[in-house]
Protein backbone atom coordinates (compact mmCIF):
# COMPACT_ATOMS: atom_id res chain seq x y z
CA PHE A 1 -11.91 -55.89 -12.55
CA GLU A 2 -10.32 -58.11 -14.64
CA LEU A 3 -8.59 -57.42 -17.64
CA GLU A 4 -7.13 -60.09 -20.47
CA ILE A 5 -3.74 -60.13 -21.44
CA ALA A 6 -2.44 -61.72 -24.89
CA GLU A 7 -0.72 -65.46 -22.98
CA GLY A 8 3.26 -64.75 -22.33
CA HIS A 9 3.47 -60.87 -21.77
CA ASN A 10 5.05 -58.42 -20.44
CA VAL A 11 2.53 -56.59 -17.93
CA VAL A 12 3.50 -53.70 -15.80
CA VAL A 13 1.06 -51.90 -13.38
CA PHE A 14 1.84 -48.32 -12.00
CA VAL A 15 0.21 -46.66 -10.13
CA ARG A 16 -0.14 -42.78 -10.69
CA SER A 17 -2.66 -42.60 -6.96
CA GLY A 18 -4.21 -43.71 -4.71
CA ALA A 19 -3.70 -47.40 -4.30
CA VAL A 20 -4.73 -50.97 -4.95
CA ARG A 21 -4.45 -54.22 -5.14
CA VAL A 22 -3.44 -56.46 -7.37
CA GLY A 23 -2.66 -60.62 -8.37
CA ALA A 24 -4.20 -63.32 -8.20
CA GLU A 25 -7.30 -64.67 -5.58
CA GLY A 26 -5.80 -65.21 -2.28
CA GLN A 27 -1.64 -63.57 -3.84
CA GLU A 28 -2.65 -60.07 -3.83
CA LYS A 29 -0.21 -57.72 -2.80
CA ALA A 30 -0.75 -53.78 -2.52
CA LEU A 31 0.64 -51.09 -4.10
CA GLY A 32 0.36 -47.66 -3.04
CA PRO A 33 1.49 -44.15 -4.92
CA ALA A 34 4.24 -44.77 -7.28
CA ALA A 35 4.70 -47.99 -7.42
CA THR A 36 5.34 -50.49 -10.15
CA ALA A 37 4.64 -54.27 -10.30
CA LEU A 38 6.06 -56.24 -12.93
CA MET A 39 3.39 -58.86 -13.21
CA MET A 40 4.33 -62.69 -14.47
CA ARG A 41 4.08 -64.51 -18.09
CA GLU A 42 1.79 -66.73 -16.79
CA GLY A 43 -1.93 -66.51 -17.62
CA THR A 44 -4.47 -63.79 -19.27
CA THR A 45 -6.08 -62.19 -16.90
CA LEU A 46 -5.05 -59.73 -14.42
CA ARG A 47 -7.18 -58.81 -11.27
CA LEU A 48 -6.88 -55.61 -9.57
CA SER A 49 -9.24 -53.22 -7.23
CA ALA A 50 -8.62 -49.73 -5.88
CA THR A 51 -8.26 -49.85 -1.95
CA GLU A 52 -9.01 -45.73 -2.16
CA ASP A 53 -11.28 -43.74 -3.88
CA ASN A 54 -10.18 -42.05 -7.00
CA THR A 55 -6.85 -43.89 -7.75
CA LYS A 56 -5.46 -43.77 -10.85
CA VAL A 57 -3.14 -46.56 -12.52
CA LEU A 58 -0.91 -46.94 -15.89
CA ILE A 59 -1.05 -50.59 -17.57
CA LEU A 60 1.49 -51.59 -20.20
CA SER A 61 1.79 -55.02 -21.95
CA GLY A 62 3.69 -56.01 -24.75
CA GLN A 63 5.08 -59.49 -25.99
CA PRO A 64 8.44 -59.66 -24.37
CA LEU A 65 11.35 -58.73 -26.44
CA ASP A 66 13.97 -61.54 -24.66
CA GLU A 67 16.96 -59.25 -25.65
CA PRO A 68 19.81 -57.54 -23.21
CA ILE A 69 19.27 -54.63 -22.38
CA ALA A 70 21.70 -52.09 -21.64
CA ALA A 71 21.42 -48.53 -19.90
CA GLN A 72 23.86 -45.60 -19.30
CA GLY A 73 22.22 -42.22 -18.82
CA PRO A 74 19.14 -41.30 -21.27
CA PHE A 75 20.21 -44.20 -23.56
CA VAL A 76 19.31 -48.05 -23.85
CA MET A 77 20.31 -50.15 -25.71
CA ASN A 78 21.81 -53.93 -26.15
CA THR A 79 25.02 -53.76 -25.72
CA MET A 80 27.77 -51.40 -23.55
CA ASP A 81 29.40 -51.10 -26.91
CA GLU A 82 26.17 -49.04 -28.52
CA ILE A 83 26.01 -46.99 -25.94
CA ARG A 84 29.21 -46.12 -25.86
CA GLN A 85 28.23 -45.22 -29.30
CA ALA A 86 25.81 -43.22 -27.94
CA ASN A 87 27.56 -41.37 -25.73
CA ALA A 88 30.04 -40.72 -28.60
CA ASP A 89 27.82 -39.65 -31.14
CA PHE A 90 25.81 -37.93 -28.45
CA ARG A 91 28.50 -35.66 -27.98
CA SER A 92 29.74 -35.04 -31.58
CA GLY A 93 26.03 -33.62 -32.49
CA LYS A 94 24.97 -36.36 -34.86
CA LEU A 95 21.53 -37.36 -32.67
CA GLY A 96 21.15 -33.06 -32.91
CA ARG A 97 20.56 -31.22 -30.32
């Protein structure tokens, strides 16, 4: 199966169940259940083939943000200062319950 992807977009392939082979011809990688692959940004075609019956995959694609990422607990922000503020806001009830 081939899927057209916008040039330069990030692409993530997540195998929900079953198994697939993903990648350029001759360079395919095997992915099993609950495996995730972050694809290279080059090219505009995603190639994959199921290697088991009833395989289910989730494909995510989007324009890269190219911003720093800081993560802790349930929060994902750009800096650790923003993470600390989000935690403080959560503890004080500013984010709801």
